[in-house]
N, C-alpha and C. Protein backbone atom coordinates (compact mmCIF):
# COMPACT_ATOMS: atom_id res chain seq x y z
N THR A 1 1.45 -1.13 -0.16
CA THR A 1 0.18 -0.06 0.08
C THR A 1 0.64 0.86 0.36
N VAL A 2 0.39 2.31 -0.93
CA VAL A 2 1.46 3.40 -1.02
C VAL A 2 -0.14 4.50 -0.56
N SER A 3 0.54 5.39 0.29
CA SER A 3 -0.02 6.47 0.71
C SER A 3 0.58 7.66 1.22
N VAL A 4 -0.59 9.17 0.79
CA VAL A 4 0.27 10.07 -0.26
C VAL A 4 -0.77 10.97 0.66
N GLU A 5 -0.16 11.87 1.52
CA GLU A 5 -0.51 12.97 2.23
C GLU A 5 0.02 14.73 1.96
N ILE A 6 -1.15 15.06 1.30
CA ILE A 6 -0.49 16.55 1.03
C ILE A 6 -1.30 17.36 1.91
N TYR A 7 -0.79 18.89 2.32
CA TYR A 7 -1.03 19.32 3.39
C TYR A 7 -0.62 20.52 2.83
N ILE A 8 -1.69 22.44 2.51
CA ILE A 8 -1.19 23.42 2.02
C ILE A 8 -2.31 24.56 3.29
N GLY A 9 -1.16 25.08 3.83
CA GLY A 9 -2.13 26.27 4.38
C GLY A 9 -1.33 27.70 4.26
N LEU A 10 -2.15 28.71 3.54
CA LEU A 10 -2.00 30.26 4.13
C LEU A 10 -3.05 30.76 5.33
N THR A 11 -2.41 32.00 5.48
CA THR A 11 -2.95 32.60 6.00
C THR A 11 -2.33 34.38 6.35
N PHE A 12 -3.55 34.63 6.72
CA PHE A 12 -2.59 36.29 6.26
C PHE A 12 -3.21 36.85 7.93
N GLN A 13 -1.55 36.99 8.41
CA GLN A 13 -1.99 38.23 9.44
C GLN A 13 -1.23 39.38 8.98
N SER A 14 -2.70 39.73 9.57
CA SER A 14 -2.50 41.88 9.66
C SER A 14 -1.55 41.81 11.04
N LYS A 15 -0.49 43.44 10.65
CA LYS A 15 0.29 43.66 11.98
C LYS A 15 0.19 45.55 11.77
N VAL A 16 -0.94 46.01 12.67
CA VAL A 16 -1.22 46.84 12.94
C VAL A 16 -0.25 48.30 13.18
N PRO A 17 0.35 48.64 12.74
CA PRO A 17 0.31 49.86 11.95
C PRO A 17 0.49 49.30 10.51
N ASN A 18 2.25 48.45 10.65
CA ASN A 18 2.76 47.91 9.39
C ASN A 18 2.32 47.96 8.01
N GLY A 19 0.94 46.87 8.81
CA GLY A 19 0.35 46.25 7.67
C GLY A 19 0.32 45.08 8.11
N GLY A 20 0.95 43.73 6.98
CA GLY A 20 0.68 42.53 7.61
C GLY A 20 1.02 41.42 6.80
N SER A 21 0.95 40.23 6.60
CA SER A 21 2.10 39.45 5.53
C SER A 21 1.17 38.12 6.05
N LEU A 22 1.89 37.20 4.32
CA LEU A 22 1.14 36.06 4.31
C LEU A 22 2.17 34.61 4.74
N VAL A 23 1.59 34.41 5.41
CA VAL A 23 1.96 33.21 6.27
C VAL A 23 1.86 31.84 5.20
N GLY A 24 3.07 30.91 4.70
CA GLY A 24 2.37 29.34 4.41
C GLY A 24 3.43 28.74 4.89
N THR A 25 2.60 27.34 5.08
CA THR A 25 3.00 26.20 5.52
C THR A 25 2.39 25.07 4.77
N ALA A 26 3.76 23.86 3.96
CA ALA A 26 3.10 23.52 3.35
C ALA A 26 4.30 21.85 3.88
N SER A 27 2.96 20.72 3.75
CA SER A 27 3.86 18.87 4.00
C SER A 27 3.34 18.11 3.24
N VAL A 28 4.28 17.10 2.84
CA VAL A 28 4.15 15.73 2.14
C VAL A 28 4.26 14.84 3.20
N LYS A 29 3.38 13.74 3.02
CA LYS A 29 3.89 12.80 4.01
C LYS A 29 3.72 11.60 2.97
N VAL A 30 4.25 10.72 2.62
CA VAL A 30 4.53 9.09 2.30
C VAL A 30 4.38 8.12 2.79
N LYS A 31 3.73 7.27 2.92
CA LYS A 31 4.12 6.15 3.63
C LYS A 31 3.86 4.79 2.48
N ILE A 32 4.60 3.90 3.25
CA ILE A 32 4.19 2.00 2.04
C ILE A 32 5.03 1.93 3.40
N LYS A 33 3.93 0.33 2.77
CA LYS A 33 3.13 -1.01 3.93
C LYS A 33 3.78 -2.05 2.55
N ILE A 34 4.76 -2.60 3.37
CA ILE A 34 4.80 -4.49 2.63
C ILE A 34 4.26 -5.29 3.38
N VAL A 35 3.62 -6.08 3.85
CA VAL A 35 2.91 -6.89 4.61
C VAL A 35 3.29 -7.00 5.87
N PHE A 36 4.57 -7.03 6.05
CA PHE A 36 4.59 -6.49 8.07
C PHE A 36 5.43 -5.12 8.19
N PHE A 37 5.69 -4.33 7.98
CA PHE A 37 6.53 -4.12 6.89
C PHE A 37 6.55 -2.43 6.40
N SER A 38 6.43 -1.18 8.09
CA SER A 38 6.24 0.08 6.72
C SER A 38 6.95 1.24 7.06
N VAL A 39 7.28 2.19 5.77
CA VAL A 39 8.05 3.32 6.57
C VAL A 39 7.80 4.07 5.79
N SER A 40 8.07 5.23 6.37
CA SER A 40 6.82 6.55 6.75
C SER A 40 8.07 7.68 6.72
N VAL A 41 7.93 8.33 5.74
CA VAL A 41 8.05 9.71 5.77
C VAL A 41 8.27 11.07 5.51
N SER A 42 8.57 11.84 5.68
CA SER A 42 7.34 13.39 5.58
C SER A 42 8.74 14.16 5.71
N VAL A 43 7.67 15.40 4.58
CA VAL A 43 9.17 17.01 4.98
C VAL A 43 7.71 18.02 4.71
N SER A 44 8.76 18.81 5.68
CA SER A 44 7.91 19.96 5.98
C SER A 44 8.14 21.29 5.51
N MET A 45 7.60 22.75 4.81
CA MET A 45 7.77 24.14 4.18
C MET A 45 6.90 25.06 5.47
N HIS A 46 7.77 26.03 5.85
CA HIS A 46 7.04 26.98 5.32
C HIS A 46 7.69 28.68 5.35
N LYS A 47 7.29 29.35 4.58
CA LYS A 47 7.75 30.48 4.73
C LYS A 47 6.55 32.32 4.47
N GLU A 48 7.15 32.55 5.22
CA GLU A 48 6.30 33.93 5.40
C GLU A 48 6.75 34.68 3.83
N LEU A 49 5.86 35.97 3.86
CA LEU A 49 6.63 36.50 2.95
C LEU A 49 5.97 38.38 3.31
N ALA A 50 6.28 38.96 3.88
CA ALA A 50 6.10 39.80 4.86
C ALA A 50 5.42 41.30 3.68
N GLY A 51 5.17 42.06 3.71
CA GLY A 51 4.43 43.10 2.79
C GLY A 51 3.80 44.53 3.69
N SER A 52 3.94 44.96 3.16
CA SER A 52 2.43 46.04 3.67
C SER A 52 2.48 46.68 3.71
N ASP A 53 1.33 47.47 3.80
CA ASP A 53 -0.67 48.35 3.49
C ASP A 53 -0.25 49.28 3.45
N PRO A 54 -0.34 50.45 2.11
CA PRO A 54 -0.30 51.57 2.56
C PRO A 54 -1.29 52.64 3.39
N THR A 55 -0.17 53.57 3.35
CA THR A 55 -0.87 54.33 4.51
C THR A 55 -2.59 55.49 3.71
N PHE A 56 -2.73 55.67 4.93
CA PHE A 56 -3.97 56.71 3.69
C PHE A 56 -2.84 57.90 3.12
N ALA A 57 -1.96 58.22 3.55
CA ALA A 57 -1.48 59.66 3.48
C ALA A 57 -0.50 58.85 1.67
N GLN A 58 -0.40 57.65 1.06
CA GLN A 58 0.01 57.45 0.30
C GLN A 58 -0.73 56.99 -1.01
N MET A 59 -1.79 57.04 0.01
CA MET A 59 -3.27 56.31 -1.17
C MET A 59 -3.66 57.64 -1.27
N VAL A 60 -3.46 58.76 -0.99
CA VAL A 60 -4.25 59.69 -1.46
C VAL A 60 -3.26 61.34 -1.46
N GLU A 61 -3.20 62.42 -2.53
CA GLU A 61 -2.68 62.86 -2.48
C GLU A 61 -3.13 64.38 -2.33
N PRO A 62 -2.14 65.28 -1.14
CA PRO A 62 -3.33 65.97 -0.02
C PRO A 62 -4.23 67.10 -1.25
N LYS A 63 -3.66 67.26 -2.58
CA LYS A 63 -4.70 68.46 -3.52
C LYS A 63 -5.92 67.50 -3.34
N HIS A 64 -6.38 65.65 -3.62
CA HIS A 64 -7.30 65.40 -3.89
C HIS A 64 -7.87 65.39 -2.23
N TRP A 65 -7.01 64.86 -1.69
CA TRP A 65 -7.99 65.70 -0.29
C TRP A 65 -9.13 66.84 -0.37
N GLU A 66 -8.22 67.51 -0.16
CA GLU A 66 -8.28 69.76 0.50
C GLU A 66 -9.43 69.54 -1.36
N GLU A 67 -9.43 69.03 -2.11
CA GLU A 67 -10.65 69.05 -2.85
C GLU A 67 -11.96 68.16 -2.01
N TYR A 68 -11.49 66.94 -1.72
CA TYR A 68 -12.85 66.68 -0.99
C TYR A 68 -13.13 66.84 -0.09
N CYS A 69 -12.57 67.39 0.67
CA CYS A 69 -13.14 68.32 2.52
C CYS A 69 -14.16 69.06 1.40
N GLY A 70 -13.12 70.03 1.01
CA GLY A 70 -14.35 71.35 0.44
C GLY A 70 -15.84 70.71 -0.25
N ALA A 71 -15.63 70.08 -1.06
CA ALA A 71 -16.81 69.61 -1.59
C ALA A 71 -17.93 69.34 -0.22
N PHE A 72 -17.57 69.59 1.12
CA PHE A 72 -18.12 69.25 2.44
C PHE A 72 -18.52 70.76 3.78
N ALA A 73 -17.31 70.92 3.16
CA ALA A 73 -17.58 73.14 3.01
C ALA A 73 -18.98 73.31 3.61
N LEU A 74 -18.96 74.35 4.11
CA LEU A 74 -20.28 75.19 4.37
C LEU A 74 -19.39 76.94 4.66
N GLU A 75 -20.68 77.38 3.37
CA GLU A 75 -19.46 78.27 3.21
C GLU A 75 -20.41 79.41 4.28
N PRO A 76 -20.35 80.35 4.64
CA PRO A 76 -20.83 81.59 5.49
C PRO A 76 -22.11 82.14 4.49
């Protein structure tokens, strides 16, 4: 008998205020069984891809923010 197990897991971890990271784990397990003899081998891997979310200031230019605020300003 030969059996193979494959596991892949991905998780996003938010790290306020510096953005977040994508964390992945993968493993493969192979088991061979012949009559009364069996052998099992497994391999695992863990990887983290760090990134950062853009700040509000990076996404909106000052002139666009002023224009947006001006649209809601009350005139005396």
